[in-house]
Amino acid sequence: MLKFNGRPFQSGDFTRALEDGIFEQAKRAILDKLRGVRDPNTGLAPKITVTGRDLKSLAVSVEGSEELIAEVNRRLGR
């Protein structure tokens, strides 16, 4: 019998585990891209919040000056 995480294999469990892993990697990649971003005038870092339960609901919120948000958007390719 095929097992996944010590239990009999079920495709739904496998799919959820795969999606959860991709979601966590996406969150980390976003935060890594924005690490070190600072306001050019004050040197302050943005307040970055990554929320959501899955890839479909993934959202990024950024607080900071207009210049800082522009740099965040540039780093994210927007």
PDB file of N, CA and C in Angstrom:
ATOM      1  N   MET A   1       0.837  -1.177   0.000  1.00  0.00           N
ATOM      2  CA  MET A   1       0.000   0.000   0.000  1.00  0.00           C
ATOM      3  C   MET A   1       0.886   1.245   0.000  1.00  0.00           C
ATOM      4  N   LEU A   2       0.540   2.198  -0.805  1.00  0.00           N
ATOM      5  CA  LEU A   2       1.258   3.463  -0.900  1.00  0.00           C
ATOM      6  C   LEU A   2       0.864   4.343   0.283  1.00  0.00           C
ATOM      7  N   LYS A   3       1.882   4.980   0.924  1.00  0.00           N
ATOM      8  CA  LYS A   3       1.609   5.834   2.075  1.00  0.00           C
ATOM      9  C   LYS A   3       2.176   7.229   1.842  1.00  0.00           C
ATOM     10  N   PHE A   4       1.526   8.200   2.455  1.00  0.00           N
ATOM     11  CA  PHE A   4       1.973   9.592   2.422  1.00  0.00           C
ATOM     12  C   PHE A   4       1.855  10.128   3.840  1.00  0.00           C
ATOM     13  N   ASN A   5       2.953  10.639   4.383  1.00  0.00           N
ATOM     14  CA  ASN A   5       3.000  11.104   5.775  1.00  0.00           C
ATOM     15  C   ASN A   5       2.561  10.019   6.744  1.00  0.00           C
ATOM     16  N   GLY A   6       2.914   8.784   6.458  1.00  0.00           N
ATOM     17  CA  GLY A   6       2.630   7.674   7.349  1.00  0.00           C
ATOM     18  C   GLY A   6       1.222   7.129   7.299  1.00  0.00           C
ATOM     19  N   ARG A   7       0.407   7.665   6.395  1.00  0.00           N
ATOM     20  CA  ARG A   7      -0.984   7.220   6.275  1.00  0.00           C
ATOM     21  C   ARG A   7      -1.229   6.725   4.859  1.00  0.00           C
ATOM     22  N   PRO A   8      -2.280   5.930   4.670  1.00  0.00           N
ATOM     23  CA  PRO A   8      -2.608   5.496   3.307  1.00  0.00           C
ATOM     24  C   PRO A   8      -2.758   6.713   2.384  1.00  0.00           C
ATOM     25  N   PHE A   9      -2.208   6.592   1.196  1.00  0.00           N
ATOM     26  CA  PHE A   9      -2.207   7.702   0.244  1.00  0.00           C
ATOM     27  C   PHE A   9      -3.623   8.095  -0.168  1.00  0.00           C
ATOM     28  N   GLN A  10      -3.883   9.400  -0.071  1.00  0.00           N
ATOM     29  CA  GLN A  10      -5.122   9.974  -0.594  1.00  0.00           C
ATOM     30  C   GLN A  10      -4.720  11.220  -1.364  1.00  0.00           C
ATOM     31  N   SER A  11      -5.191  11.320  -2.582  1.00  0.00           N
ATOM     32  CA  SER A  11      -4.750  12.417  -3.448  1.00  0.00           C
ATOM     33  C   SER A  11      -5.073  13.785  -2.858  1.00  0.00           C
ATOM     34  N   GLY A  12      -6.176  13.918  -2.146  1.00  0.00           N
ATOM     35  CA  GLY A  12      -6.525  15.213  -1.542  1.00  0.00           C
ATOM     36  C   GLY A  12      -5.505  15.656  -0.510  1.00  0.00           C
ATOM     37  N   ASP A  13      -5.035  14.714   0.311  1.00  0.00           N
ATOM     38  CA  ASP A  13      -4.012  15.039   1.309  1.00  0.00           C
ATOM     39  C   ASP A  13      -2.717  15.464   0.624  1.00  0.00           C
ATOM     40  N   PHE A  14      -2.356  14.745  -0.422  1.00  0.00           N
ATOM     41  CA  PHE A  14      -1.136  15.067  -1.170  1.00  0.00           C
ATOM     42  C   PHE A  14      -1.247  16.456  -1.794  1.00  0.00           C
ATOM     43  N   THR A  15      -2.380  16.744  -2.410  1.00  0.00           N
ATOM     44  CA  THR A  15      -2.597  18.044  -3.053  1.00  0.00           C
ATOM     45  C   THR A  15      -2.525  19.169  -2.031  1.00  0.00           C
ATOM     46  N   ARG A  16      -3.185  18.998  -0.884  1.00  0.00           N
ATOM     47  CA  ARG A  16      -3.154  20.039   0.157  1.00  0.00           C
ATOM     48  C   ARG A  16      -1.736  20.268   0.666  1.00  0.00           C
ATOM     49  N   ALA A  17      -1.006  19.206   0.890  1.00  0.00           N
ATOM     50  CA  ALA A  17       0.368  19.346   1.378  1.00  0.00           C
ATOM     51  C   ALA A  17       1.241  20.073   0.354  1.00  0.00           C
ATOM     52  N   LEU A  18       1.071  19.743  -0.905  1.00  0.00           N
ATOM     53  CA  LEU A  18       1.827  20.395  -1.968  1.00  0.00           C
ATOM     54  C   LEU A  18       1.470  21.878  -2.054  1.00  0.00           C
ATOM     55  N   GLU A  19       0.178  22.191  -2.033  1.00  0.00           N
ATOM     56  CA  GLU A  19      -0.265  23.590  -2.102  1.00  0.00           C
ATOM     57  C   GLU A  19       0.203  24.378  -0.882  1.00  0.00           C
ATOM     58  N   ASP A  20       0.145  23.771   0.299  1.00  0.00           N
ATOM     59  CA  ASP A  20       0.615  24.449   1.507  1.00  0.00           C
ATOM     60  C   ASP A  20       2.102  24.776   1.406  1.00  0.00           C
ATOM     61  N   GLY A  21       2.883  23.840   0.884  1.00  0.00           N
ATOM     62  CA  GLY A  21       4.315  24.077   0.717  1.00  0.00           C
ATOM     63  C   GLY A  21       4.602  25.190  -0.266  1.00  0.00           C
ATOM     64  N   ILE A  22       3.879  25.219  -1.366  1.00  0.00           N
ATOM     65  CA  ILE A  22       4.059  26.273  -2.372  1.00  0.00           C
ATOM     66  C   ILE A  22       3.662  27.621  -1.789  1.00  0.00           C
ATOM     67  N   PHE A  23       2.567  27.643  -1.026  1.00  0.00           N
ATOM     68  CA  PHE A  23       2.102  28.881  -0.398  1.00  0.00           C
ATOM     69  C   PHE A  23       3.169  29.437   0.552  1.00  0.00           C
ATOM     70  N   GLU A  24       3.740  28.583   1.393  1.00  0.00           N
ATOM     71  CA  GLU A  24       4.769  29.031   2.327  1.00  0.00           C
ATOM     72  C   GLU A  24       6.011  29.529   1.588  1.00  0.00           C
ATOM     73  N   GLN A  25       6.390  28.852   0.509  1.00  0.00           N
ATOM     74  CA  GLN A  25       7.536  29.296  -0.286  1.00  0.00           C
ATOM     75  C   GLN A  25       7.256  30.643  -0.941  1.00  0.00           C
ATOM     76  N   ALA A  26       6.038  30.858  -1.402  1.00  0.00           N
ATOM     77  CA  ALA A  26       5.675  32.136  -2.024  1.00  0.00           C
ATOM     78  C   ALA A  26       5.764  33.265  -1.003  1.00  0.00           C
ATOM     79  N   LYS A  27       5.247  33.027   0.200  1.00  0.00           N
ATOM     80  CA  LYS A  27       5.330  34.049   1.245  1.00  0.00           C
ATOM     81  C   LYS A  27       6.784  34.384   1.559  1.00  0.00           C
ATOM     82  N   ARG A  28       7.612  33.344   1.707  1.00  0.00           N
ATOM     83  CA  ARG A  28       9.037  33.572   1.999  1.00  0.00           C
ATOM     84  C   ARG A  28       9.732  34.320   0.875  1.00  0.00           C
ATOM     85  N   ALA A  29       9.409  33.978  -0.370  1.00  0.00           N
ATOM     86  CA  ALA A  29      10.039  34.634  -1.520  1.00  0.00           C
ATOM     87  C   ALA A  29       9.695  36.119  -1.553  1.00  0.00           C
ATOM     88  N   ILE A  30       8.448  36.444  -1.259  1.00  0.00           N
ATOM     89  CA  ILE A  30       8.037  37.853  -1.228  1.00  0.00           C
ATOM     90  C   ILE A  30       8.805  38.594  -0.153  1.00  0.00           C
ATOM     91  N   LEU A  31       8.838  38.046   1.042  1.00  0.00           N
ATOM     92  CA  LEU A  31       9.548  38.709   2.140  1.00  0.00           C
ATOM     93  C   LEU A  31      11.042  38.814   1.859  1.00  0.00           C
ATOM     94  N   ASP A  32      11.629  37.802   1.249  1.00  0.00           N
ATOM     95  CA  ASP A  32      13.056  37.849   0.897  1.00  0.00           C
ATOM     96  C   ASP A  32      13.342  38.953  -0.116  1.00  0.00           C
ATOM     97  N   LYS A  33      12.447  39.101  -1.092  1.00  0.00           N
ATOM     98  CA  LYS A  33      12.639  40.162  -2.102  1.00  0.00           C
ATOM     99  C   LYS A  33      12.598  41.543  -1.471  1.00  0.00           C
ATOM    100  N   LEU A  34      11.822  41.686  -0.402  1.00  0.00           N
ATOM    101  CA  LEU A  34      11.624  43.006   0.196  1.00  0.00           C
ATOM    102  C   LEU A  34      12.540  43.268   1.383  1.00  0.00           C
ATOM    103  N   ARG A  35      13.301  42.253   1.767  1.00  0.00           N
ATOM    104  CA  ARG A  35      14.246  42.435   2.870  1.00  0.00           C
ATOM    105  C   ARG A  35      15.290  43.475   2.440  1.00  0.00           C
ATOM    106  N   GLY A  36      15.530  44.404   3.296  1.00  0.00           N
ATOM    107  CA  GLY A  36      16.532  45.422   2.988  1.00  0.00           C
ATOM    108  C   GLY A  36      15.983  46.662   2.298  1.00  0.00           C
ATOM    109  N   VAL A  37      14.696  46.667   1.930  1.00  0.00           N
ATOM    110  CA  VAL A  37      14.107  47.862   1.324  1.00  0.00           C
ATOM    111  C   VAL A  37      13.994  48.930   2.407  1.00  0.00           C
ATOM    112  N   ARG A  38      14.458  50.123   2.095  1.00  0.00           N
ATOM    113  CA  ARG A  38      14.400  51.244   3.036  1.00  0.00           C
ATOM    114  C   ARG A  38      13.934  52.495   2.313  1.00  0.00           C
ATOM    115  N   ASP A  39      13.291  53.359   3.057  1.00  0.00           N
ATOM    116  CA  ASP A  39      12.876  54.655   2.524  1.00  0.00           C
ATOM    117  C   ASP A  39      14.148  55.436   2.194  1.00  0.00           C
ATOM    118  N   PRO A  40      14.246  55.973   0.973  1.00  0.00           N
ATOM    119  CA  PRO A  40      15.479  56.678   0.590  1.00  0.00           C
ATOM    120  C   PRO A  40      15.737  57.942   1.407  1.00  0.00           C
ATOM    121  N   ASN A  41      14.701  58.536   1.990  1.00  0.00           N
ATOM    122  CA  ASN A  41      14.872  59.777   2.751  1.00  0.00           C
ATOM    123  C   ASN A  41      15.088  59.547   4.243  1.00  0.00           C
ATOM    124  N   THR A  42      14.401  58.542   4.799  1.00  0.00           N
ATOM    125  CA  THR A  42      14.455  58.351   6.249  1.00  0.00           C
ATOM    126  C   THR A  42      15.210  57.096   6.673  1.00  0.00           C
ATOM    127  N   GLY A  43      15.385  56.147   5.755  1.00  0.00           N
ATOM    128  CA  GLY A  43      16.028  54.889   6.107  1.00  0.00           C
ATOM    129  C   GLY A  43      15.104  53.901   6.803  1.00  0.00           C
ATOM    130  N   LEU A  44      13.832  54.272   6.953  1.00  0.00           N
ATOM    131  CA  LEU A  44      12.876  53.383   7.619  1.00  0.00           C
ATOM    132  C   LEU A  44      12.447  52.243   6.706  1.00  0.00           C
ATOM    133  N   ALA A  45      12.181  51.098   7.321  1.00  0.00           N
ATOM    134  CA  ALA A  45      11.698  49.930   6.582  1.00  0.00           C
ATOM    135  C   ALA A  45      10.173  49.983   6.475  1.00  0.00           C
ATOM    136  N   PRO A  46       9.612  49.361   5.450  1.00  0.00           N
ATOM    137  CA  PRO A  46       8.155  49.316   5.336  1.00  0.00           C
ATOM    138  C   PRO A  46       7.569  48.309   6.315  1.00  0.00           C
ATOM    139  N   LYS A  47       6.303  48.477   6.640  1.00  0.00           N
ATOM    140  CA  LYS A  47       5.587  47.458   7.396  1.00  0.00           C
ATOM    141  C   LYS A  47       4.946  46.546   6.356  1.00  0.00           C
ATOM    142  N   ILE A  48       5.374  45.290   6.319  1.00  0.00           N
ATOM    143  CA  ILE A  48       4.902  44.339   5.313  1.00  0.00           C
ATOM    144  C   ILE A  48       4.128  43.233   6.011  1.00  0.00           C
ATOM    145  N   THR A  49       2.915  42.982   5.528  1.00  0.00           N
ATOM    146  CA  THR A  49       2.082  41.915   6.063  1.00  0.00           C
ATOM    147  C   THR A  49       1.672  41.012   4.909  1.00  0.00           C
ATOM    148  N   VAL A  50       1.952  39.731   5.038  1.00  0.00           N
ATOM    149  CA  VAL A  50       1.533  38.751   4.044  1.00  0.00           C
ATOM    150  C   VAL A  50       0.444  37.907   4.696  1.00  0.00           C
ATOM    151  N   THR A  51      -0.740  37.879   4.082  1.00  0.00           N
ATOM    152  CA  THR A  51      -1.866  37.141   4.647  1.00  0.00           C
ATOM    153  C   THR A  51      -2.459  36.190   3.620  1.00  0.00           C
ATOM    154  N   GLY A  52      -3.331  35.359   4.105  1.00  0.00           N
ATOM    155  CA  GLY A  52      -4.036  34.418   3.252  1.00  0.00           C
ATOM    156  C   GLY A  52      -3.888  33.009   3.774  1.00  0.00           C
ATOM    157  N   ARG A  53      -4.787  32.143   3.309  1.00  0.00           N
ATOM    158  CA  ARG A  53      -4.745  30.748   3.732  1.00  0.00           C
ATOM    159  C   ARG A  53      -4.230  29.836   2.630  1.00  0.00           C
ATOM    160  N   ASP A  54      -4.220  30.359   1.395  1.00  0.00           N
ATOM    161  CA  ASP A  54      -3.762  29.567   0.260  1.00  0.00           C
ATOM    162  C   ASP A  54      -3.328  30.522  -0.845  1.00  0.00           C
ATOM    163  N   LEU A  55      -2.878  29.976  -1.981  1.00  0.00           N
ATOM    164  CA  LEU A  55      -2.392  30.828  -3.066  1.00  0.00           C
ATOM    165  C   LEU A  55      -3.481  31.743  -3.620  1.00  0.00           C
ATOM    166  N   LYS A  56      -4.708  31.294  -3.619  1.00  0.00           N
ATOM    167  CA  LYS A  56      -5.799  32.108  -4.152  1.00  0.00           C
ATOM    168  C   LYS A  56      -6.090  33.326  -3.289  1.00  0.00           C
ATOM    169  N   SER A  57      -5.843  33.208  -1.997  1.00  0.00           N
ATOM    170  CA  SER A  57      -6.155  34.319  -1.093  1.00  0.00           C
ATOM    171  C   SER A  57      -4.904  35.063  -0.618  1.00  0.00           C
ATOM    172  N   LEU A  58      -3.751  34.763  -1.191  1.00  0.00           N
ATOM    173  CA  LEU A  58      -2.505  35.424  -0.811  1.00  0.00           C
ATOM    174  C   LEU A  58      -2.610  36.924  -1.073  1.00  0.00           C
ATOM    175  N   ALA A  59      -2.296  37.723  -0.057  1.00  0.00           N
ATOM    176  CA  ALA A  59      -2.334  39.177  -0.190  1.00  0.00           C
ATOM    177  C   ALA A  59      -1.132  39.775   0.527  1.00  0.00           C
ATOM    178  N   VAL A  60      -0.616  40.853  -0.033  1.00  0.00           N
ATOM    179  CA  VAL A  60       0.512  41.559   0.572  1.00  0.00           C
ATOM    180  C   VAL A  60       0.074  42.983   0.846  1.00  0.00           C
ATOM    181  N   SER A  61       0.281  43.421   2.081  1.00  0.00           N
ATOM    182  CA  SER A  61      -0.035  44.789   2.476  1.00  0.00           C
ATOM    183  C   SER A  61       1.267  45.485   2.847  1.00  0.00           C
ATOM    184  N   VAL A  62       1.445  46.705   2.340  1.00  0.00           N
ATOM    185  CA  VAL A  62       2.671  47.456   2.608  1.00  0.00           C
ATOM    186  C   VAL A  62       2.294  48.844   3.102  1.00  0.00           C
ATOM    187  N   GLU A  63       2.915  49.241   4.207  1.00  0.00           N
ATOM    188  CA  GLU A  63       2.715  50.587   4.741  1.00  0.00           C
ATOM    189  C   GLU A  63       4.039  51.323   4.711  1.00  0.00           C
ATOM    190  N   GLY A  64       3.994  52.567   4.266  1.00  0.00           N
ATOM    191  CA  GLY A  64       5.185  53.394   4.217  1.00  0.00           C
ATOM    192  C   GLY A  64       4.947  54.609   3.350  1.00  0.00           C
ATOM    193  N   SER A  65       5.990  55.372   3.144  1.00  0.00           N
ATOM    194  CA  SER A  65       5.885  56.573   2.324  1.00  0.00           C
ATOM    195  C   SER A  65       5.655  56.201   0.856  1.00  0.00           C
ATOM    196  N   GLU A  66       5.277  57.191   0.068  1.00  0.00           N
ATOM    197  CA  GLU A  66       5.065  56.954  -1.366  1.00  0.00           C
ATOM    198  C   GLU A  66       6.332  56.428  -2.035  1.00  0.00           C
ATOM    199  N   GLU A  67       7.483  56.988  -1.662  1.00  0.00           N
ATOM    200  CA  GLU A  67       8.750  56.550  -2.244  1.00  0.00           C
ATOM    201  C   GLU A  67       9.049  55.103  -1.871  1.00  0.00           C
ATOM    202  N   LEU A  68       8.760  54.758  -0.628  1.00  0.00           N
ATOM    203  CA  LEU A  68       9.010  53.406  -0.146  1.00  0.00           C
ATOM    204  C   LEU A  68       8.100  52.404  -0.848  1.00  0.00           C
ATOM    205  N   ILE A  69       6.846  52.739  -0.992  1.00  0.00           N
ATOM    206  CA  ILE A  69       5.906  51.856  -1.685  1.00  0.00           C
ATOM    207  C   ILE A  69       6.288  51.719  -3.153  1.00  0.00           C
ATOM    208  N   ALA A  70       6.771  52.791  -3.762  1.00  0.00           N
ATOM    209  CA  ALA A  70       7.230  52.717  -5.152  1.00  0.00           C
ATOM    210  C   ALA A  70       8.402  51.748  -5.284  1.00  0.00           C
ATOM    211  N   GLU A  71       9.321  51.764  -4.309  1.00  0.00           N
ATOM    212  CA  GLU A  71      10.460  50.838  -4.343  1.00  0.00           C
ATOM    213  C   GLU A  71      10.000  49.396  -4.133  1.00  0.00           C
ATOM    214  N   VAL A  72       9.042  49.191  -3.239  1.00  0.00           N
ATOM    215  CA  VAL A  72       8.483  47.852  -3.026  1.00  0.00           C
ATOM    216  C   VAL A  72       7.866  47.347  -4.323  1.00  0.00           C
ATOM    217  N   ASN A  73       7.069  48.178  -4.975  1.00  0.00           N
ATOM    218  CA  ASN A  73       6.451  47.791  -6.251  1.00  0.00           C
ATOM    219  C   ASN A  73       7.494  47.474  -7.305  1.00  0.00           C
ATOM    220  N   ARG A  74       8.557  48.254  -7.344  1.00  0.00           N
ATOM    221  CA  ARG A  74       9.628  48.003  -8.315  1.00  0.00           C
ATOM    222  C   ARG A  74      10.277  46.641  -8.052  1.00  0.00           C
ATOM    223  N   ARG A  75      10.549  46.348  -6.783  1.00  0.00           N
ATOM    224  CA  ARG A  75      11.177  45.061  -6.431  1.00  0.00           C
ATOM    225  C   ARG A  75      10.278  43.870  -6.744  1.00  0.00           C
ATOM    226  N   LEU A  76       8.964  44.100  -6.652  1.00  0.00           N
ATOM    227  CA  LEU A  76       8.013  43.031  -6.943  1.00  0.00           C
ATOM    228  C   LEU A  76       7.657  42.959  -8.426  1.00  0.00           C
ATOM    229  N   GLY A  77       8.260  43.847  -9.222  1.00  0.00           N
ATOM    230  CA  GLY A  77       8.026  43.827 -10.667  1.00  0.00           C
ATOM    231  C   GLY A  77       6.681  44.387 -11.059  1.00  0.00           C
ATOM    232  N   ARG A  78       6.191  45.336 -10.307  1.00  0.00           N
ATOM    233  CA  ARG A  78       4.881  45.928 -10.600  1.00  0.00           C
ATOM    234  C   ARG A  78       5.019  47.312 -11.151  1.00  0.00           C
TER     235      ARG A  78
END
